[in-house]
Amino acid sequence: QCICQIVKGSCRIEKKTINGLRILGILEPQEIFGEISFLNKAEATATVIANQSTQIYMIERSILDKIFETSIRLSGRFYHYLACQIGTRLKNRLRYPNESSKEGSVKDIINQPSYITELPHGYVISENMEHKVITSFRGPNEDEDNLPSSITDQHCYHNLFCAKTISTYPLAKNKVREGEPICDQYSIHLMSKRAIVTIADGCNWGVQVREAANRACRVFTQYITKHSTEIFSLHQAGFLMLRAMGMAQYAVTVNKENEARPGTTTLLGSILLKLDVQPNNQCQGWGILIAAVGDCKCFLYNPKTKLCKDLTDHNRELSLAATDCGGRLGPVIDGSLPDLRNFSLSFSTVEQDDLLFFVSDGVHDNLDPYQLGINPKSIGLNYNSWDEIENNSDAEKYKNSYRLELLAKLINSCSNLNPSTIVQTILQHCVTTNINAVNFMQNNPSKRLPSDYTQYPGKVDHTTCVCLKVGQYL
């Protein structure tokens, strides 16, 4: 008999039951297993299987017995540690009573209290009597046309919702577009008084990266949809959002047999909620709760003021460079943990008929004055270049101000303020912005694109725009 501790990698606990094989839990670095059989001096009650290449420390009972013979104090501390480990697992099992055994086995990746307690009080969420999903969309499909010329070929639902993903990368000599396959993903579930919108942007290129974005987007949406009947308060909704983020991380990192190393992805998940009461006894309205890691963004457009607001305005401040997304899910740290540097959970109130935009960086980078080759002085800043702004937070604040003005200008130029027209206008702006860069890359396939944004503005990328109109959907 022995006790094991995971140093690197992850394992799953499996047990055979009359209903088949059941997953009891997921173990990650610093967690132990074998303690139950150690304490009972009995055979193992379950099987532990490595999910990937895993390193463990193992200490046998005979060695511990010899150590404890000479140090009773150490023995007490050791058994206290085991009791705490078992207690934590039991507490987690009781904490998630409405989850399946598989869901309950997934470990939290985010310190819940520190985020939940920051959510505002005084909001009463409208009871969603009809929890049935009215309509749902996922995309882009693998066989979907994502050429810039296909902008009008969108996923839409009446005048309430529209989504489209394109690639602005150039065509190679073999007529295959660079950057294939598309690594952006989006998912939308509409219910009577709620809407769940998720968007993921896989980091880098390749099949594994696309799969990471696909899994994260799909699992986050499925978890929130499944547990939407449990949402009666803003704090409960926030709790479920954090759990859904953990589910997405697990889905990205779990490896099937003979599967290549998982990719990584950014993820923005949101739930739009009808409110019955707001603070100060204001009646009705809407609110949106957003959980995000990475650089996907959510913008709000108010048709009354004709202005835009960034509901994720701080998620670029911790980026180390223009190519750094700021955080991502997947095996990023120590081969198994996510990068949560810029993770955020935020709540914003919105109004009936407001428009919400969920975009990957393929959109908002093409609204960024730096990437558009615009000098800071030309927009009223006392700097000759963006590099002179030492504080990244200040630089991002200036950029975001310009970004919001340009986005509002594009929306206000639309002849019709419906989601389809606006999505088409925004994506066309991205295509037009990148024309010089695309032409250079197609005509000079062996040369690197010059880093001169004044001559080659914009950023070629996988580009996703989802637009949702706030309102009751049934």
Protein backbone atom coordinates (compact mmCIF):
# COMPACT_ATOMS: atom_id res chain seq x y z
CA GLN A 1 0.00 0.00 0.00
CA CYS A 2 1.11 3.54 -0.77
CA ILE A 3 -0.01 7.14 -1.15
CA CYS A 4 0.65 9.00 -4.41
CA GLN A 5 0.82 12.70 -5.25
CA ILE A 6 0.59 14.07 -8.78
CA VAL A 7 3.52 16.29 -9.73
CA LYS A 8 2.75 16.88 -13.39
CA GLY A 9 -0.16 15.91 -15.65
CA SER A 10 -3.60 14.67 -14.55
CA CYS A 11 -5.46 11.46 -13.73
CA ARG A 12 -9.07 10.32 -13.55
CA ILE A 13 -10.64 8.07 -10.93
CA GLU A 14 -12.81 5.33 -12.40
CA LYS A 15 -15.00 2.68 -10.80
CA LYS A 16 -17.04 -0.14 -12.28
CA THR A 17 -20.73 -0.10 -11.30
CA ILE A 18 -23.77 -2.12 -12.34
CA ASN A 19 -24.53 0.69 -14.80
CA GLY A 20 -21.06 0.60 -16.34
CA LEU A 21 -17.85 2.56 -15.83
CA ARG A 22 -18.24 5.75 -13.79
CA ILE A 23 -15.78 8.64 -13.50
CA LEU A 24 -15.56 9.66 -9.84
CA GLY A 25 -13.09 12.48 -10.10
CA ILE A 26 -10.26 14.30 -11.84
CA LEU A 27 -6.91 14.71 -10.09
CA GLU A 28 -4.43 17.44 -10.99
CA PRO A 29 -0.95 18.52 -9.77
CA GLN A 30 -0.50 18.57 -5.96
CA GLU A 31 -3.51 16.29 -5.39
CA ILE A 32 -3.15 12.86 -3.79
CA PHE A 33 -4.76 9.46 -4.25
CA GLY A 34 -4.64 6.09 -2.46
CA GLU A 35 -5.41 7.64 0.93
CA ILE A 36 -8.66 5.69 1.51
CA SER A 37 -7.09 2.26 1.03
CA PHE A 38 -4.08 3.47 3.05
CA LEU A 39 -6.27 4.42 6.01
CA ASN A 40 -8.44 1.31 5.80
CA LYS A 41 -5.49 -1.00 5.17
CA ALA A 42 -7.57 -2.50 2.37
CA GLU A 43 -7.53 -2.98 -1.37
CA ALA A 44 -8.09 0.03 -3.62
CA THR A 45 -11.76 0.90 -4.08
CA ALA A 46 -11.29 2.53 -7.51
CA THR A 47 -8.84 2.69 -10.40
CA VAL A 48 -6.66 5.72 -11.17
CA ILE A 49 -5.76 6.22 -14.84
CA ALA A 50 -3.45 8.87 -16.29
CA ASN A 51 -5.15 11.24 -18.77
CA GLN A 52 -1.79 12.15 -20.30
CA SER A 53 1.91 11.83 -19.61
CA THR A 54 1.93 12.13 -15.82
CA GLN A 55 4.61 12.28 -13.13
CA ILE A 56 3.82 11.19 -9.55
CA TYR A 57 5.56 10.87 -6.20
CA MET A 58 4.84 7.59 -4.38
CA ILE A 59 5.56 6.74 -0.75
CA GLU A 60 4.98 3.26 0.65
CA ARG A 61 3.36 2.44 4.00
CA SER A 62 6.47 0.60 5.24
CA ILE A 63 8.57 3.75 4.82
CA LEU A 64 5.98 5.95 6.54
CA ASP A 65 5.68 3.51 9.44
CA LYS A 66 9.44 3.70 10.05
CA ILE A 67 9.36 7.52 9.94
CA PHE A 68 6.39 7.73 12.32
CA GLU A 69 8.11 5.41 14.84
CA THR A 70 10.70 8.13 15.40
CA SER A 71 8.40 11.16 15.09
CA ILE A 72 4.91 10.99 16.62
CA ARG A 73 4.41 14.69 15.96
CA LEU A 74 5.00 14.22 12.24
CA SER A 75 2.52 11.36 12.28
CA GLY A 76 -0.20 13.63 13.68
CA ARG A 77 0.44 16.30 11.07
CA PHE A 78 0.37 13.72 8.30
CA TYR A 79 -3.01 12.24 9.31
CA HIS A 80 -4.42 15.75 9.78
CA TYR A 81 -3.39 16.50 6.19
CA LEU A 82 -5.17 13.36 4.95
CA ALA A 83 -8.32 14.32 6.88
CA CYS A 84 -8.31 17.79 5.26
CA GLN A 85 -7.93 16.30 1.77
CA ILE A 86 -10.84 13.91 2.28
CA GLY A 87 -12.94 16.67 3.83
CA THR A 88 -12.37 18.95 0.85
CA ARG A 89 -13.53 16.28 -1.58
CA LEU A 90 -16.64 15.59 0.48
CA LYS A 91 -17.40 19.30 0.71
CA ASN A 92 -17.15 19.69 -3.07
CA ARG A 93 -19.49 16.76 -3.59
CA LEU A 94 -22.11 18.36 -1.31
CA ARG A 95 -21.53 21.76 -2.86
CA TYR A 96 -22.67 20.79 -6.33
CA PRO A 97 -25.80 18.70 -5.61
CA ASN A 98 -27.38 19.33 -9.03
CA GLU A 99 -24.38 18.26 -11.05
CA SER A 100 -23.87 14.86 -12.58
CA SER A 101 -21.11 12.70 -11.12
CA LYS A 102 -18.90 13.60 -14.07
CA GLU A 103 -19.53 17.33 -13.65
CA GLY A 104 -19.00 17.11 -9.90
CA SER A 105 -15.61 15.52 -10.45
CA VAL A 106 -14.33 18.56 -12.35
CA LYS A 107 -12.11 20.80 -10.26
CA ASP A 108 -12.69 24.56 -9.92
CA ILE A 109 -10.02 26.60 -11.69
CA ILE A 110 -11.07 29.96 -10.25
CA ASN A 111 -11.28 31.18 -6.65
CA GLN A 112 -15.05 31.58 -6.53
CA PRO A 113 -15.63 33.76 -3.42
CA SER A 114 -13.30 36.53 -4.59
CA TYR A 115 -15.31 36.96 -7.82
CA ILE A 116 -18.84 36.20 -6.57
CA THR A 117 -18.67 38.70 -3.69
CA GLU A 118 -17.78 41.50 -6.13
CA LEU A 119 -21.04 41.10 -8.03
CA PRO A 120 -23.64 43.77 -7.16
CA HIS A 121 -26.63 43.16 -4.87
CA GLY A 122 -30.26 44.19 -5.21
CA TYR A 123 -31.13 42.58 -8.54
CA VAL A 124 -34.05 40.18 -8.80
CA ILE A 125 -33.90 37.92 -11.85
CA SER A 126 -37.13 37.28 -13.69
CA GLU A 127 -38.24 33.68 -13.32
CA ASN A 128 -37.83 31.90 -16.62
CA MET A 129 -40.98 29.77 -16.63
CA GLU A 130 -40.17 28.43 -20.09
CA HIS A 131 -36.64 27.02 -19.95
CA LYS A 132 -36.87 25.40 -23.34
CA VAL A 133 -34.31 26.59 -25.88
CA ILE A 134 -36.27 28.37 -28.61
CA THR A 135 -33.44 28.26 -31.12
CA SER A 136 -29.72 27.60 -31.09
CA PHE A 137 -26.81 28.10 -33.45
CA ARG A 138 -23.21 26.91 -33.48
CA GLY A 139 -20.58 27.87 -35.97
CA PRO A 140 -18.76 28.10 -38.13
CA ASN A 141 -19.40 24.68 -39.65
CA GLU A 142 -16.38 22.86 -41.06
CA ASP A 143 -17.82 22.96 -44.58
CA GLU A 144 -19.05 26.54 -44.31
CA ASP A 145 -17.85 29.15 -46.80
CA ASN A 146 -15.71 31.59 -44.81
CA LEU A 147 -14.33 33.64 -47.69
CA PRO A 148 -14.74 37.42 -47.36
CA SER A 149 -17.18 37.25 -50.27
CA SER A 150 -19.54 35.13 -48.13
CA ILE A 151 -20.27 37.90 -45.60
CA THR A 152 -23.98 37.89 -46.46
CA ASP A 153 -24.23 34.12 -45.81
CA GLN A 154 -24.99 34.45 -42.08
CA HIS A 155 -26.67 32.55 -39.26
CA CYS A 156 -29.68 34.69 -38.33
CA TYR A 157 -32.90 34.44 -36.34
CA HIS A 158 -35.51 36.98 -37.42
CA ASN A 159 -34.23 40.47 -36.54
CA LEU A 160 -32.99 39.36 -33.12
CA PHE A 161 -29.68 37.68 -33.77
CA CYS A 162 -27.01 37.25 -36.43
CA ALA A 163 -23.53 35.66 -36.53
CA LYS A 164 -20.79 35.16 -39.08
CA THR A 165 -17.15 34.06 -39.15
CA ILE A 166 -14.80 34.79 -42.04
CA SER A 167 -11.07 34.53 -42.69
CA THR A 168 -9.22 37.59 -43.95
CA TYR A 169 -6.03 35.59 -44.57
CA PRO A 170 -4.73 35.58 -48.17
CA LEU A 171 -5.01 32.68 -50.58
CA ALA A 172 -1.83 30.65 -51.08
CA LYS A 173 -0.62 29.43 -54.48
CA ASN A 174 -2.56 26.20 -54.09
CA LYS A 175 -5.75 28.29 -53.66
CA VAL A 176 -6.03 27.19 -50.03
CA ARG A 177 -6.51 30.08 -47.63
CA GLU A 178 -3.71 30.50 -45.08
CA GLY A 179 -4.62 29.80 -41.48
CA GLU A 180 -7.02 26.97 -42.29
CA PRO A 181 -8.97 25.55 -40.55
CA ILE A 182 -10.92 28.41 -38.98
CA CYS A 183 -10.17 28.42 -35.25
CA ASP A 184 -12.96 30.76 -34.08
CA GLN A 185 -16.15 29.26 -32.66
CA TYR A 186 -19.45 30.70 -31.46
CA SER A 187 -22.60 29.32 -29.86
CA ILE A 188 -25.99 30.89 -29.11
CA HIS A 189 -28.98 29.53 -27.18
CA LEU A 190 -32.11 31.70 -27.01
CA MET A 191 -34.76 31.13 -24.33
CA SER A 192 -37.82 33.16 -23.55
CA LYS A 193 -36.22 35.59 -21.09
CA ARG A 194 -32.57 34.56 -21.39
CA ALA A 195 -29.86 34.22 -23.97
CA ILE A 196 -26.55 32.39 -23.70
CA VAL A 197 -23.81 33.56 -26.07
CA THR A 198 -20.32 32.06 -26.12
CA ILE A 199 -17.38 32.85 -28.37
CA ALA A 200 -13.91 31.25 -28.47
CA ASP A 201 -10.79 32.11 -30.43
CA GLY A 202 -8.26 29.29 -30.69
CA CYS A 203 -4.68 30.46 -30.10
CA ASN A 204 -2.57 29.92 -33.22
CA TRP A 205 -3.48 27.59 -36.11
CA GLY A 206 -4.24 23.92 -36.62
CA VAL A 207 -6.75 21.14 -36.03
CA GLN A 208 -5.98 20.83 -32.30
CA VAL A 209 -6.43 24.56 -31.82
CA ARG A 210 -9.79 24.47 -33.60
CA GLU A 211 -10.81 21.51 -31.45
CA ALA A 212 -9.87 23.41 -28.27
CA ALA A 213 -12.08 26.36 -29.25
CA ASN A 214 -14.86 23.99 -30.29
CA ARG A 215 -14.82 22.07 -27.00
CA ALA A 216 -14.61 25.17 -24.80
CA CYS A 217 -17.45 26.93 -26.59
CA ARG A 218 -19.71 23.88 -26.72
CA VAL A 219 -19.18 22.70 -23.12
CA PHE A 220 -19.56 26.18 -21.56
CA THR A 221 -22.86 26.72 -23.39
CA GLN A 222 -24.16 23.24 -22.58
CA TYR A 223 -23.40 23.58 -18.87
CA ILE A 224 -25.11 26.98 -18.49
CA THR A 225 -28.12 25.83 -20.53
CA LYS A 226 -28.49 22.64 -18.50
CA HIS A 227 -28.35 24.49 -15.17
CA SER A 228 -30.30 27.61 -16.19
CA THR A 229 -33.28 26.45 -14.09
CA GLU A 230 -31.10 26.99 -10.99
CA ILE A 231 -30.58 30.70 -11.66
CA PHE A 232 -32.68 32.77 -9.27
CA SER A 233 -30.04 35.29 -8.23
CA LEU A 234 -27.12 37.10 -9.79
CA HIS A 235 -24.69 35.39 -7.44
CA GLN A 236 -25.96 31.93 -8.34
CA ALA A 237 -25.59 32.84 -12.02
CA GLY A 238 -22.03 33.96 -11.32
CA PHE A 239 -21.28 30.71 -9.50
CA LEU A 240 -22.50 28.70 -12.50
CA MET A 241 -20.42 30.82 -14.88
CA LEU A 242 -17.27 30.02 -12.92
CA ARG A 243 -18.15 26.33 -12.86
CA ALA A 244 -18.78 26.44 -16.63
CA MET A 245 -15.32 27.91 -17.13
CA GLY A 246 -13.86 24.98 -15.19
CA MET A 247 -15.87 22.56 -17.35
CA ALA A 248 -14.49 24.21 -20.47
CA GLN A 249 -10.91 23.94 -19.16
CA TYR A 250 -11.40 20.25 -18.45
CA ALA A 251 -12.94 19.65 -21.89
CA VAL A 252 -9.97 21.33 -23.58
CA THR A 253 -7.27 19.50 -21.63
CA VAL A 254 -8.70 15.98 -21.38
CA ASN A 255 -6.89 13.75 -23.85
CA LYS A 256 -8.31 10.75 -25.60
CA GLU A 257 -5.99 7.83 -26.30
CA ASN A 258 -3.40 8.55 -29.02
CA GLU A 259 -4.65 12.14 -29.31
CA ALA A 260 -2.15 14.91 -30.00
CA ARG A 261 -1.33 17.54 -27.36
CA PRO A 262 -4.41 19.77 -26.84
CA GLY A 263 -4.54 23.28 -28.25
CA THR A 264 -5.33 26.41 -26.26
CA THR A 265 -8.11 28.95 -26.65
CA THR A 266 -9.57 32.18 -25.35
CA LEU A 267 -13.19 32.07 -24.20
CA LEU A 268 -15.95 34.58 -23.52
CA GLY A 269 -19.20 33.19 -22.12
CA SER A 270 -22.25 35.28 -21.28
CA ILE A 271 -25.83 35.05 -20.12
CA LEU A 272 -28.39 37.77 -20.77
CA LEU A 273 -31.04 37.86 -18.01
CA LYS A 274 -34.42 39.56 -17.69
CA LEU A 275 -34.58 41.54 -14.42
CA ASP A 276 -37.76 42.08 -12.41
CA VAL A 277 -36.24 44.47 -9.89
CA GLN A 278 -33.07 46.56 -9.86
CA PRO A 279 -31.50 48.50 -6.94
CA ASN A 280 -33.49 51.51 -5.69
CA ASN A 281 -36.68 49.63 -6.68
CA GLN A 282 -36.28 50.30 -10.38
CA CYS A 283 -38.51 47.86 -12.19
CA GLN A 284 -37.59 45.48 -14.95
CA GLY A 285 -34.76 45.86 -17.44
CA TRP A 286 -32.03 43.46 -18.50
CA GLY A 287 -28.57 42.50 -17.33
CA ILE A 288 -25.67 40.60 -18.85
CA LEU A 289 -23.14 38.55 -16.92
CA ILE A 290 -19.83 37.91 -18.72
CA ALA A 291 -17.04 35.49 -17.84
CA ALA A 292 -13.99 35.94 -20.04
CA VAL A 293 -10.38 34.86 -20.34
CA GLY A 294 -8.33 36.14 -23.26
CA ASP A 295 -9.09 38.92 -25.70
CA CYS A 296 -12.56 38.27 -27.13
CA LYS A 297 -14.74 41.30 -26.48
CA CYS A 298 -18.35 42.28 -25.88
CA PHE A 299 -19.56 45.71 -27.01
CA LEU A 300 -22.89 47.40 -26.30
CA TYR A 301 -24.63 49.80 -28.70
CA ASN A 302 -27.48 51.99 -27.46
CA PRO A 303 -29.76 53.03 -30.38
CA LYS A 304 -31.07 55.99 -28.36
CA THR A 305 -27.69 57.62 -27.70
CA LYS A 306 -26.07 56.07 -30.81
CA LEU A 307 -22.98 55.35 -28.71
CA CYS A 308 -20.98 52.20 -27.97
CA LYS A 309 -19.58 50.85 -24.71
CA ASP A 310 -16.98 48.13 -24.13
CA LEU A 311 -18.28 45.71 -21.49
CA THR A 312 -14.85 44.01 -21.42
CA ASP A 313 -12.74 47.16 -21.37
CA HIS A 314 -9.93 45.82 -19.14
CA ASN A 315 -9.11 42.53 -20.84
CA ARG A 316 -6.22 43.91 -22.94
CA GLU A 317 -4.41 45.73 -20.14
CA LEU A 318 -2.34 42.71 -19.00
CA SER A 319 -1.23 41.72 -22.50
CA LEU A 320 2.55 41.65 -22.75
CA ALA A 321 2.55 42.38 -26.50
CA ALA A 322 0.14 42.90 -29.39
CA THR A 323 0.28 39.15 -30.06
CA ASP A 324 -0.42 38.24 -26.41
CA CYS A 325 -4.10 37.45 -25.80
CA GLY A 326 -3.71 38.05 -22.05
CA GLY A 327 -4.93 34.63 -20.93
CA ARG A 328 -6.28 31.33 -22.28
CA LEU A 329 -7.64 27.92 -21.44
CA GLY A 330 -5.72 24.70 -22.04
CA PRO A 331 -2.43 23.17 -20.88
CA VAL A 332 -0.57 26.50 -20.67
CA ILE A 333 1.14 26.48 -17.28
CA ASP A 334 3.06 23.40 -16.06
CA GLY A 335 1.61 21.37 -18.90
CA SER A 336 -1.95 21.28 -17.52
CA LEU A 337 -3.13 24.59 -16.02
CA PRO A 338 -4.79 27.57 -17.76
CA ASP A 339 -3.40 31.11 -17.97
CA LEU A 340 -5.96 33.19 -16.04
CA ARG A 341 -4.06 36.48 -15.88
CA ASN A 342 -6.91 38.55 -17.29
CA PHE A 343 -9.88 36.42 -16.28
CA SER A 344 -12.89 38.53 -15.33
CA LEU A 345 -16.46 38.06 -14.20
CA SER A 346 -18.53 41.21 -14.73
CA PHE A 347 -22.14 42.37 -14.74
CA SER A 348 -23.69 45.22 -16.72
CA THR A 349 -27.25 46.46 -17.05
CA VAL A 350 -28.63 46.87 -20.57
CA GLU A 351 -31.90 48.13 -22.02
CA GLN A 352 -34.59 46.72 -24.26
CA ASP A 353 -33.54 46.99 -27.95
CA ASP A 354 -29.86 47.56 -27.13
CA LEU A 355 -27.49 45.68 -29.42
CA LEU A 356 -24.75 43.43 -28.03
CA PHE A 357 -21.71 42.51 -30.12
CA PHE A 358 -19.47 39.56 -29.32
CA VAL A 359 -16.28 39.62 -31.38
CA SER A 360 -12.92 37.90 -31.70
CA ASP A 361 -9.75 39.98 -32.01
CA GLY A 362 -10.06 39.65 -35.79
CA VAL A 363 -12.71 42.37 -35.44
CA HIS A 364 -11.52 44.64 -32.63
CA ASP A 365 -7.87 44.66 -33.75
CA ASN A 366 -9.14 46.24 -36.96
CA LEU A 367 -10.72 49.02 -34.87
CA ASP A 368 -7.47 49.67 -32.98
CA PRO A 369 -5.82 53.00 -33.96
CA TYR A 370 -2.33 51.50 -33.51
CA GLN A 371 -3.04 48.69 -35.97
CA LEU A 372 -4.76 51.13 -38.32
CA GLY A 373 -1.54 53.17 -38.53
CA ILE A 374 -3.06 56.24 -36.84
CA ASN A 375 -0.63 58.50 -35.03
CA PRO A 376 -1.62 59.38 -31.42
CA LYS A 377 -1.25 63.10 -32.12
CA SER A 378 -3.83 62.91 -34.89
CA ILE A 379 -6.47 61.94 -32.33
CA GLY A 380 -5.50 64.60 -29.77
CA LEU A 381 -2.87 62.81 -27.68
CA ASN A 382 0.44 64.43 -26.80
CA TYR A 383 2.59 61.53 -28.05
CA ASN A 384 4.50 61.04 -31.29
CA SER A 385 4.03 57.28 -31.23
CA TRP A 386 2.09 54.66 -29.28
CA ASP A 387 5.37 53.27 -27.93
CA GLU A 388 5.89 56.50 -25.96
CA ILE A 389 2.91 55.67 -23.74
CA GLU A 390 4.68 53.74 -20.99
CA ASN A 391 1.60 52.68 -19.04
CA ASN A 392 -0.17 49.95 -21.00
CA SER A 393 -3.40 50.68 -19.11
CA ASP A 394 -3.36 54.29 -20.32
CA ALA A 395 -2.54 53.23 -23.88
CA GLU A 396 -5.41 50.76 -23.90
CA LYS A 397 -7.78 53.42 -22.54
CA TYR A 398 -6.89 55.78 -25.41
CA LYS A 399 -7.15 53.00 -27.98
CA ASN A 400 -10.48 51.84 -26.65
CA SER A 401 -11.92 55.33 -26.84
CA TYR A 402 -11.04 55.46 -30.54
CA ARG A 403 -12.26 51.88 -31.03
CA LEU A 404 -15.69 52.74 -29.61
CA GLU A 405 -16.02 55.87 -31.75
CA LEU A 406 -15.14 53.96 -34.92
CA LEU A 407 -17.51 51.10 -34.07
CA ALA A 408 -20.37 53.54 -33.42
CA LYS A 409 -19.60 55.28 -36.71
CA LEU A 410 -19.80 51.99 -38.61
CA ILE A 411 -23.10 51.06 -36.95
CA ASN A 412 -24.63 54.49 -37.47
CA SER A 413 -23.73 54.30 -41.17
CA CYS A 414 -26.04 51.29 -41.61
CA SER A 415 -29.25 51.97 -43.47
CA ASN A 416 -31.00 49.46 -41.25
CA LEU A 417 -30.18 48.83 -37.58
CA ASN A 418 -30.81 45.10 -37.68
CA PRO A 419 -28.20 42.48 -36.64
CA SER A 420 -27.69 41.14 -40.17
CA THR A 421 -26.88 44.51 -41.73
CA ILE A 422 -24.61 45.53 -38.86
CA VAL A 423 -22.63 42.25 -38.86
CA GLN A 424 -22.14 42.60 -42.61
CA THR A 425 -20.95 46.22 -42.23
CA ILE A 426 -18.46 45.41 -39.46
CA LEU A 427 -16.97 42.41 -41.27
CA GLN A 428 -16.74 44.36 -44.52
CA HIS A 429 -14.76 47.02 -42.66
CA CYS A 430 -12.27 44.32 -41.58
CA VAL A 431 -11.94 43.02 -45.15
CA THR A 432 -11.45 46.50 -46.61
CA THR A 433 -8.95 47.49 -43.92
CA ASN A 434 -6.74 44.49 -44.75
CA ILE A 435 -6.71 44.84 -48.55
CA ASN A 436 -3.14 46.20 -48.81
CA ALA A 437 -1.74 43.55 -46.46
CA VAL A 438 -3.59 40.72 -48.23
CA ASN A 439 -2.41 41.87 -51.67
CA PHE A 440 1.21 42.09 -50.48
CA MET A 441 1.09 38.61 -48.93
CA GLN A 442 -0.47 37.07 -52.04
CA ASN A 443 1.98 38.78 -54.41
CA ASN A 444 5.03 38.15 -52.22
CA PRO A 445 4.53 34.72 -50.64
CA SER A 446 8.20 34.34 -49.71
CA LYS A 447 8.46 37.76 -48.02
CA ARG A 448 7.42 38.84 -44.55
CA LEU A 449 4.74 41.52 -44.34
CA PRO A 450 6.45 44.82 -43.38
CA SER A 451 5.49 46.04 -39.91
CA ASP A 452 4.30 49.37 -41.25
CA TYR A 453 0.68 49.89 -40.30
CA THR A 454 0.43 53.19 -42.17
CA GLN A 455 1.06 51.34 -45.44
CA TYR A 456 -0.41 47.96 -44.46
CA PRO A 457 -3.11 48.70 -41.86
CA GLY A 458 -5.16 46.14 -39.98
CA LYS A 459 -4.64 42.55 -38.96
CA VAL A 460 -5.49 39.50 -41.04
CA ASP A 461 -7.11 36.87 -38.88
CA HIS A 462 -10.05 34.56 -38.26
CA THR A 463 -12.79 37.11 -37.74
CA THR A 464 -16.07 36.53 -35.87
CA CYS A 465 -18.93 38.92 -35.16
CA VAL A 466 -22.11 37.96 -33.29
CA CYS A 467 -24.89 40.52 -32.82
CA LEU A 468 -27.80 40.04 -30.40
CA LYS A 469 -30.74 42.39 -29.90
CA VAL A 470 -31.86 42.67 -26.27
CA GLY A 471 -35.47 41.67 -25.78
CA GLN A 472 -37.85 38.86 -24.95
CA TYR A 473 -37.38 36.03 -27.45
CA LEU A 474 -40.80 34.37 -27.19
